């Protein structure tokens, strides 16, 4: 439960781009699903070919978001708060248009906030995005750091 409180505090701090170092994807998704259920902070996962789905209603896909570029456009244009989980993006982060879209979301000052959470075990960002992200791990949440 402490992890939920720490995660909620992190999200309330106003960050828009978070790197979450975690190799146990199931545990990570469970954490965000619990956050969604306990706080109402809508959490979505994007997967290639499947698109965006809310963790608490994964049987309802968000149309036309199977391509990463379309999902990022949807997130940018959305007018409700949301936390959007993206798996480690290796080759995608080499595409200038993808980097530009992520940068646009990470620097968007309009409310409500849309928060991108890039997760994985070996996260590397292009220089253009490095200063925009806060980095965290589940171990840090557990320890309260």
N, C-alpha and C. Protein backbone atom coordinates (compact mmCIF):
# COMPACT_ATOMS: atom_id res chain seq x y z
N UNK A 1 0.82 -1.20 0.00
CA UNK A 1 0.00 0.00 0.00
C UNK A 1 0.86 1.26 0.00
N UNK A 2 2.02 1.19 0.66
CA UNK A 2 2.93 2.32 0.68
C UNK A 2 3.35 2.71 -0.74
N UNK A 3 3.50 1.72 -1.61
CA UNK A 3 3.86 2.00 -3.01
C UNK A 3 2.80 2.87 -3.68
N UNK A 4 1.54 2.60 -3.40
CA UNK A 4 0.45 3.38 -3.99
C UNK A 4 0.53 4.83 -3.53
N UNK A 5 0.75 5.03 -2.24
CA UNK A 5 0.85 6.39 -1.69
C UNK A 5 2.03 7.12 -2.32
N UNK A 6 3.17 6.45 -2.41
CA UNK A 6 4.36 7.06 -3.01
C UNK A 6 4.14 7.38 -4.49
N UNK A 7 3.52 6.46 -5.21
CA UNK A 7 3.24 6.68 -6.63
C UNK A 7 2.27 7.84 -6.81
N UNK A 8 1.25 7.88 -5.98
CA UNK A 8 0.27 8.97 -6.04
C UNK A 8 0.95 10.31 -5.76
N UNK A 9 1.84 10.34 -4.80
CA UNK A 9 2.59 11.55 -4.48
C UNK A 9 3.45 11.98 -5.66
N UNK A 10 4.11 11.02 -6.29
CA UNK A 10 4.94 11.31 -7.47
C UNK A 10 4.08 11.92 -8.58
N UNK A 11 2.93 11.33 -8.83
CA UNK A 11 2.05 11.84 -9.89
C UNK A 11 1.51 13.22 -9.54
N UNK A 12 1.23 13.46 -8.26
CA UNK A 12 0.73 14.76 -7.84
C UNK A 12 1.79 15.86 -7.89
N UNK A 13 3.05 15.46 -8.01
CA UNK A 13 4.14 16.44 -8.06
C UNK A 13 4.18 17.20 -9.39
N UNK A 14 3.38 16.78 -10.35
CA UNK A 14 3.27 17.52 -11.59
C UNK A 14 4.12 17.04 -12.74
N UNK A 15 4.82 15.93 -12.55
CA UNK A 15 5.64 15.40 -13.64
C UNK A 15 4.76 14.94 -14.80
N UNK A 16 5.28 15.12 -16.01
CA UNK A 16 4.54 14.71 -17.21
C UNK A 16 5.23 13.59 -17.97
N UNK A 17 6.45 13.28 -17.59
CA UNK A 17 7.20 12.23 -18.27
C UNK A 17 8.05 11.51 -17.22
N UNK A 18 7.76 10.23 -17.02
CA UNK A 18 8.41 9.44 -15.98
C UNK A 18 9.03 8.20 -16.61
N UNK A 19 10.28 7.93 -16.26
CA UNK A 19 10.93 6.67 -16.63
C UNK A 19 10.82 5.76 -15.42
N UNK A 20 10.19 4.62 -15.60
CA UNK A 20 9.97 3.69 -14.49
C UNK A 20 10.78 2.44 -14.75
N UNK A 21 11.87 2.28 -14.01
CA UNK A 21 12.72 1.11 -14.17
C UNK A 21 12.07 -0.08 -13.48
N UNK A 22 11.60 -1.02 -14.27
CA UNK A 22 10.92 -2.20 -13.72
C UNK A 22 10.94 -3.31 -14.76
N UNK A 23 11.41 -4.47 -14.36
CA UNK A 23 11.41 -5.62 -15.27
C UNK A 23 10.21 -6.52 -15.04
N UNK A 24 9.56 -6.41 -13.89
CA UNK A 24 8.37 -7.21 -13.59
C UNK A 24 7.14 -6.43 -14.06
N UNK A 25 6.82 -6.60 -15.33
CA UNK A 25 5.73 -5.83 -15.95
C UNK A 25 4.40 -6.12 -15.26
N UNK A 26 4.17 -7.37 -14.88
CA UNK A 26 2.93 -7.71 -14.20
C UNK A 26 2.75 -6.94 -12.90
N UNK A 27 3.81 -6.84 -12.12
CA UNK A 27 3.75 -6.09 -10.86
C UNK A 27 3.52 -4.61 -11.12
N UNK A 28 4.16 -4.08 -12.15
CA UNK A 28 4.00 -2.67 -12.49
C UNK A 28 2.55 -2.38 -12.90
N UNK A 29 2.00 -3.21 -13.77
CA UNK A 29 0.62 -3.00 -14.21
C UNK A 29 -0.35 -3.14 -13.04
N UNK A 30 -0.08 -4.08 -12.16
CA UNK A 30 -0.93 -4.26 -10.97
C UNK A 30 -0.88 -3.00 -10.08
N UNK A 31 0.29 -2.42 -9.94
CA UNK A 31 0.45 -1.20 -9.15
C UNK A 31 -0.38 -0.06 -9.73
N UNK A 32 -0.29 0.15 -11.04
CA UNK A 32 -1.04 1.23 -11.67
C UNK A 32 -2.54 0.92 -11.72
N UNK A 33 -2.91 -0.34 -11.86
CA UNK A 33 -4.33 -0.70 -11.81
C UNK A 33 -4.89 -0.40 -10.42
N UNK A 34 -4.14 -0.73 -9.39
CA UNK A 34 -4.58 -0.44 -8.02
C UNK A 34 -4.69 1.07 -7.81
N UNK A 35 -3.73 1.82 -8.35
CA UNK A 35 -3.79 3.28 -8.27
C UNK A 35 -5.06 3.80 -8.94
N UNK A 36 -5.37 3.28 -10.12
CA UNK A 36 -6.57 3.68 -10.85
C UNK A 36 -7.82 3.42 -10.02
N UNK A 37 -7.92 2.23 -9.45
CA UNK A 37 -9.10 1.87 -8.67
C UNK A 37 -9.22 2.65 -7.36
N UNK A 38 -8.10 2.94 -6.73
CA UNK A 38 -8.16 3.59 -5.42
C UNK A 38 -8.20 5.11 -5.48
N UNK A 39 -7.71 5.71 -6.57
CA UNK A 39 -7.67 7.17 -6.65
C UNK A 39 -8.50 7.75 -7.79
N UNK A 40 -8.89 6.89 -8.74
CA UNK A 40 -9.60 7.39 -9.91
C UNK A 40 -8.69 7.97 -10.97
N UNK A 41 -7.38 7.86 -10.77
CA UNK A 41 -6.42 8.35 -11.78
C UNK A 41 -6.34 7.33 -12.90
N UNK A 42 -7.02 7.64 -13.99
CA UNK A 42 -7.13 6.72 -15.11
C UNK A 42 -5.75 6.35 -15.64
N UNK A 43 -5.48 5.05 -15.70
CA UNK A 43 -4.19 4.55 -16.16
C UNK A 43 -4.41 3.65 -17.37
N UNK A 44 -3.63 3.89 -18.41
CA UNK A 44 -3.75 3.18 -19.67
C UNK A 44 -2.42 2.54 -20.02
N UNK A 45 -2.49 1.43 -20.76
CA UNK A 45 -1.29 0.80 -21.28
C UNK A 45 -1.38 0.80 -22.80
N UNK A 46 -0.25 1.10 -23.45
CA UNK A 46 -0.18 0.98 -24.91
C UNK A 46 0.71 -0.19 -25.25
N UNK A 47 0.24 -1.01 -26.18
CA UNK A 47 1.03 -2.11 -26.71
C UNK A 47 0.95 -2.08 -28.23
N UNK A 48 2.06 -2.39 -28.92
CA UNK A 48 2.04 -2.41 -30.38
C UNK A 48 0.94 -3.34 -30.89
N UNK A 49 0.30 -2.93 -31.93
CA UNK A 49 -0.76 -3.69 -32.59
C UNK A 49 -2.05 -3.78 -31.78
N UNK A 50 -2.00 -3.47 -30.49
CA UNK A 50 -3.21 -3.52 -29.66
C UNK A 50 -3.72 -2.12 -29.33
N UNK A 51 -2.81 -1.18 -29.24
CA UNK A 51 -3.19 0.19 -28.94
C UNK A 51 -3.35 0.43 -27.45
N UNK A 52 -4.06 1.51 -27.14
CA UNK A 52 -4.29 1.91 -25.76
C UNK A 52 -5.51 1.20 -25.18
N UNK A 53 -5.38 0.81 -23.91
CA UNK A 53 -6.49 0.23 -23.16
C UNK A 53 -6.37 0.68 -21.72
N UNK A 54 -7.49 1.04 -21.12
CA UNK A 54 -7.47 1.39 -19.70
C UNK A 54 -7.25 0.12 -18.90
N UNK A 55 -6.39 0.19 -17.91
CA UNK A 55 -6.04 -1.00 -17.13
C UNK A 55 -7.24 -1.60 -16.42
N UNK A 56 -8.19 -0.77 -16.01
CA UNK A 56 -9.37 -1.29 -15.31
C UNK A 56 -10.50 -1.67 -16.25
N UNK A 57 -10.29 -1.49 -17.54
CA UNK A 57 -11.30 -1.87 -18.54
C UNK A 57 -10.59 -2.29 -19.82
N UNK A 58 -9.65 -3.22 -19.68
CA UNK A 58 -8.78 -3.56 -20.81
C UNK A 58 -9.51 -4.20 -21.98
N UNK A 59 -10.74 -4.63 -21.74
CA UNK A 59 -11.52 -5.22 -22.82
C UNK A 59 -12.11 -4.17 -23.74
N UNK A 60 -11.94 -2.89 -23.40
CA UNK A 60 -12.45 -1.80 -24.23
C UNK A 60 -11.26 -1.04 -24.82
N UNK A 61 -10.86 -1.35 -26.06
CA UNK A 61 -9.72 -0.65 -26.65
C UNK A 61 -10.10 0.77 -27.08
N UNK A 62 -9.12 1.63 -27.11
CA UNK A 62 -9.34 2.98 -27.64
C UNK A 62 -9.05 2.91 -29.13
N UNK A 63 -10.05 3.21 -29.95
CA UNK A 63 -9.91 3.05 -31.40
C UNK A 63 -8.75 3.86 -31.98
N UNK A 64 -8.16 3.30 -33.02
CA UNK A 64 -7.15 3.97 -33.83
C UNK A 64 -5.93 4.42 -33.04
N UNK A 65 -5.48 3.57 -32.10
CA UNK A 65 -4.28 3.90 -31.33
C UNK A 65 -3.25 2.77 -31.39
N UNK A 66 -3.37 1.86 -32.35
CA UNK A 66 -2.43 0.74 -32.40
C UNK A 66 -1.03 1.18 -32.85
N UNK A 67 -0.95 2.21 -33.67
CA UNK A 67 0.36 2.76 -34.04
C UNK A 67 0.79 3.75 -32.97
N UNK A 68 2.06 3.72 -32.60
CA UNK A 68 2.55 4.60 -31.54
C UNK A 68 2.30 6.06 -31.86
N UNK A 69 2.52 6.47 -33.08
CA UNK A 69 2.31 7.87 -33.45
C UNK A 69 0.85 8.28 -33.23
N UNK A 70 -0.08 7.41 -33.56
CA UNK A 70 -1.50 7.71 -33.35
C UNK A 70 -1.84 7.76 -31.87
N UNK A 71 -1.26 6.84 -31.09
CA UNK A 71 -1.50 6.83 -29.64
C UNK A 71 -0.97 8.11 -29.00
N UNK A 72 0.21 8.55 -29.41
CA UNK A 72 0.78 9.78 -28.85
C UNK A 72 -0.04 11.00 -29.24
N UNK A 73 -0.56 11.02 -30.46
CA UNK A 73 -1.45 12.11 -30.87
C UNK A 73 -2.72 12.11 -30.02
N UNK A 74 -3.27 10.93 -29.77
CA UNK A 74 -4.47 10.81 -28.94
C UNK A 74 -4.18 11.35 -27.53
N UNK A 75 -3.05 10.94 -26.96
CA UNK A 75 -2.69 11.37 -25.61
C UNK A 75 -2.53 12.89 -25.57
N UNK A 76 -1.83 13.44 -26.55
CA UNK A 76 -1.61 14.89 -26.59
C UNK A 76 -2.92 15.66 -26.69
N UNK A 77 -3.85 15.17 -27.50
CA UNK A 77 -5.09 15.89 -27.76
C UNK A 77 -6.18 15.62 -26.72
N UNK A 78 -5.99 14.63 -25.88
CA UNK A 78 -6.97 14.24 -24.87
C UNK A 78 -7.23 15.40 -23.91
N UNK A 79 -8.44 15.52 -23.45
CA UNK A 79 -8.80 16.61 -22.55
C UNK A 79 -9.17 16.13 -21.15
N UNK A 80 -8.73 14.94 -20.80
CA UNK A 80 -8.92 14.43 -19.44
C UNK A 80 -7.57 13.97 -18.91
N UNK A 81 -7.45 14.00 -17.58
CA UNK A 81 -6.23 13.51 -16.93
C UNK A 81 -6.04 12.04 -17.28
N UNK A 82 -4.81 11.63 -17.45
CA UNK A 82 -4.53 10.22 -17.69
C UNK A 82 -3.06 9.90 -17.50
N UNK A 83 -2.80 8.68 -17.08
CA UNK A 83 -1.45 8.15 -16.97
C UNK A 83 -1.32 7.10 -18.07
N UNK A 84 -0.33 7.23 -18.92
CA UNK A 84 -0.19 6.38 -20.09
C UNK A 84 1.12 5.62 -20.03
N UNK A 85 1.02 4.31 -19.88
CA UNK A 85 2.18 3.43 -19.75
C UNK A 85 2.61 2.93 -21.12
N UNK A 86 3.88 3.17 -21.44
CA UNK A 86 4.44 2.74 -22.72
C UNK A 86 5.60 1.80 -22.43
N UNK A 87 5.64 0.63 -23.10
CA UNK A 87 6.77 -0.27 -22.88
C UNK A 87 8.05 0.34 -23.44
N UNK A 88 9.17 -0.15 -22.96
CA UNK A 88 10.47 0.32 -23.42
C UNK A 88 10.46 0.50 -24.95
N UNK A 89 10.76 1.69 -25.38
CA UNK A 89 10.72 2.03 -26.81
C UNK A 89 12.14 2.16 -27.32
N UNK A 90 12.69 1.09 -27.85
CA UNK A 90 14.05 1.12 -28.37
C UNK A 90 14.14 1.80 -29.71
N UNK A 91 13.73 1.08 -30.75
CA UNK A 91 13.85 1.61 -32.11
C UNK A 91 12.92 2.80 -32.34
N UNK A 92 11.79 2.84 -31.64
CA UNK A 92 10.85 3.95 -31.82
C UNK A 92 11.47 5.28 -31.42
N UNK A 93 12.35 5.27 -30.41
CA UNK A 93 12.98 6.51 -29.95
C UNK A 93 14.09 6.99 -30.88
N UNK A 94 14.30 6.27 -31.95
CA UNK A 94 15.24 6.71 -32.98
C UNK A 94 14.51 7.47 -34.09
N UNK A 95 13.18 7.50 -34.01
CA UNK A 95 12.37 8.18 -35.02
C UNK A 95 12.09 9.61 -34.56
N UNK A 96 12.57 10.60 -35.31
CA UNK A 96 12.40 12.00 -34.90
C UNK A 96 10.95 12.41 -34.65
N UNK A 97 10.00 11.88 -35.44
CA UNK A 97 8.60 12.26 -35.23
C UNK A 97 8.07 11.73 -33.90
N UNK A 98 8.51 10.56 -33.47
CA UNK A 98 8.08 9.99 -32.19
C UNK A 98 8.68 10.81 -31.05
N UNK A 99 9.95 11.14 -31.15
CA UNK A 99 10.61 11.95 -30.13
C UNK A 99 9.92 13.30 -30.01
N UNK A 100 9.58 13.89 -31.14
CA UNK A 100 8.90 15.19 -31.15
C UNK A 100 7.54 15.11 -30.46
N UNK A 101 6.80 14.03 -30.71
CA UNK A 101 5.49 13.86 -30.07
C UNK A 101 5.62 13.68 -28.56
N UNK A 102 6.59 12.87 -28.14
CA UNK A 102 6.81 12.68 -26.70
C UNK A 102 7.21 14.00 -26.05
N UNK A 103 8.08 14.74 -26.70
CA UNK A 103 8.50 16.04 -26.18
C UNK A 103 7.30 16.98 -26.05
N UNK A 104 6.40 16.97 -27.02
CA UNK A 104 5.23 17.83 -26.98
C UNK A 104 4.34 17.50 -25.77
N UNK A 105 4.19 16.23 -25.46
CA UNK A 105 3.39 15.83 -24.30
C UNK A 105 4.11 16.20 -23.01
N UNK A 106 5.41 15.93 -22.96
CA UNK A 106 6.20 16.18 -21.74
C UNK A 106 6.30 17.66 -21.40
N UNK A 107 6.19 18.53 -22.39
CA UNK A 107 6.32 19.97 -22.15
C UNK A 107 4.99 20.70 -22.20
N UNK A 108 3.90 19.98 -22.39
CA UNK A 108 2.58 20.58 -22.48
C UNK A 108 2.14 21.07 -21.10
N UNK A 109 1.95 22.35 -20.96
CA UNK A 109 1.59 22.93 -19.66
C UNK A 109 0.09 23.02 -19.43
N UNK A 110 -0.71 22.62 -20.41
CA UNK A 110 -2.16 22.74 -20.24
C UNK A 110 -2.67 21.69 -19.26
N UNK A 111 -3.77 22.01 -18.64
CA UNK A 111 -4.44 21.08 -17.73
C UNK A 111 -5.66 20.54 -18.44
N UNK A 112 -6.10 19.38 -18.13
CA UNK A 112 -5.52 18.45 -17.18
C UNK A 112 -4.26 17.80 -17.75
N UNK A 113 -3.41 17.34 -16.84
CA UNK A 113 -2.15 16.73 -17.25
C UNK A 113 -2.36 15.36 -17.87
N UNK A 114 -1.50 15.07 -18.82
CA UNK A 114 -1.36 13.72 -19.36
C UNK A 114 0.06 13.31 -19.01
N UNK A 115 0.20 12.16 -18.35
CA UNK A 115 1.50 11.71 -17.86
C UNK A 115 1.94 10.49 -18.66
N UNK A 116 3.11 10.58 -19.29
CA UNK A 116 3.69 9.43 -19.98
C UNK A 116 4.61 8.70 -19.01
N UNK A 117 4.45 7.38 -18.93
CA UNK A 117 5.33 6.55 -18.11
C UNK A 117 5.96 5.52 -19.04
N UNK A 118 7.24 5.69 -19.29
CA UNK A 118 7.99 4.73 -20.10
C UNK A 118 8.59 3.72 -19.14
N UNK A 119 8.27 2.43 -19.34
CA UNK A 119 8.74 1.42 -18.39
C UNK A 119 9.58 0.35 -19.07
N UNK A 120 10.45 -0.25 -18.28
CA UNK A 120 11.30 -1.32 -18.76
C UNK A 120 12.52 -1.46 -17.86
N UNK A 121 13.38 -2.37 -18.24
CA UNK A 121 14.55 -2.63 -17.42
C UNK A 121 15.82 -1.95 -17.88
N UNK A 122 15.83 -1.47 -19.11
CA UNK A 122 17.05 -0.89 -19.66
C UNK A 122 16.67 0.34 -20.48
N UNK A 123 16.29 1.39 -19.80
CA UNK A 123 15.73 2.56 -20.46
C UNK A 123 16.81 3.55 -20.89
N UNK A 124 16.77 3.91 -22.16
CA UNK A 124 17.71 4.90 -22.70
C UNK A 124 16.90 5.91 -23.52
N UNK A 125 17.10 7.18 -23.21
CA UNK A 125 16.40 8.24 -23.93
C UNK A 125 17.37 9.00 -24.82
N UNK A 126 16.86 9.52 -25.94
CA UNK A 126 17.68 10.41 -26.75
C UNK A 126 17.96 11.70 -25.94
N UNK A 127 19.04 12.36 -26.25
CA UNK A 127 19.43 13.58 -25.53
C UNK A 127 18.30 14.58 -25.42
N UNK A 128 17.53 14.71 -26.48
CA UNK A 128 16.45 15.70 -26.53
C UNK A 128 15.41 15.49 -25.43
N UNK A 129 15.25 14.24 -24.96
CA UNK A 129 14.22 13.93 -23.96
C UNK A 129 14.77 13.77 -22.54
N UNK A 130 16.07 13.64 -22.39
CA UNK A 130 16.65 13.31 -21.07
C UNK A 130 16.28 14.29 -19.98
N UNK A 131 16.35 15.56 -20.25
CA UNK A 131 16.06 16.56 -19.22
C UNK A 131 14.59 16.72 -18.90
N UNK A 132 13.74 16.05 -19.66
CA UNK A 132 12.29 16.19 -19.45
C UNK A 132 11.71 15.12 -18.54
N UNK A 133 12.48 14.07 -18.27
CA UNK A 133 11.94 12.92 -17.54
C UNK A 133 12.48 12.85 -16.12
N UNK A 134 11.62 12.35 -15.24
CA UNK A 134 12.04 11.99 -13.89
C UNK A 134 12.15 10.47 -13.87
N UNK A 135 13.18 9.95 -13.21
CA UNK A 135 13.41 8.51 -13.22
C UNK A 135 13.11 7.94 -11.84
N UNK A 136 12.43 6.78 -11.82
CA UNK A 136 12.03 6.13 -10.57
C UNK A 136 12.08 4.62 -10.77
N UNK A 137 12.14 3.91 -9.67
CA UNK A 137 12.05 2.45 -9.70
C UNK A 137 11.06 2.02 -8.63
N UNK A 138 10.58 0.80 -8.74
CA UNK A 138 9.65 0.30 -7.74
C UNK A 138 10.34 0.19 -6.38
N UNK A 139 11.62 -0.15 -6.40
CA UNK A 139 12.38 -0.23 -5.14
C UNK A 139 12.39 1.13 -4.44
N UNK A 140 12.53 2.21 -5.21
CA UNK A 140 12.53 3.55 -4.62
C UNK A 140 11.15 3.88 -4.04
N UNK A 141 10.09 3.44 -4.70
CA UNK A 141 8.74 3.66 -4.16
C UNK A 141 8.57 2.92 -2.84
N UNK A 142 9.05 1.69 -2.79
CA UNK A 142 8.91 0.87 -1.60
C UNK A 142 9.67 1.47 -0.42
N UNK A 143 10.85 2.03 -0.72
CA UNK A 143 11.67 2.59 0.36
C UNK A 143 11.22 3.99 0.74
N UNK A 144 10.32 4.57 -0.07
CA UNK A 144 9.83 5.91 0.22
C UNK A 144 10.76 7.01 -0.24
N UNK A 145 11.73 6.67 -1.06
CA UNK A 145 12.70 7.67 -1.54
C UNK A 145 12.12 8.56 -2.60
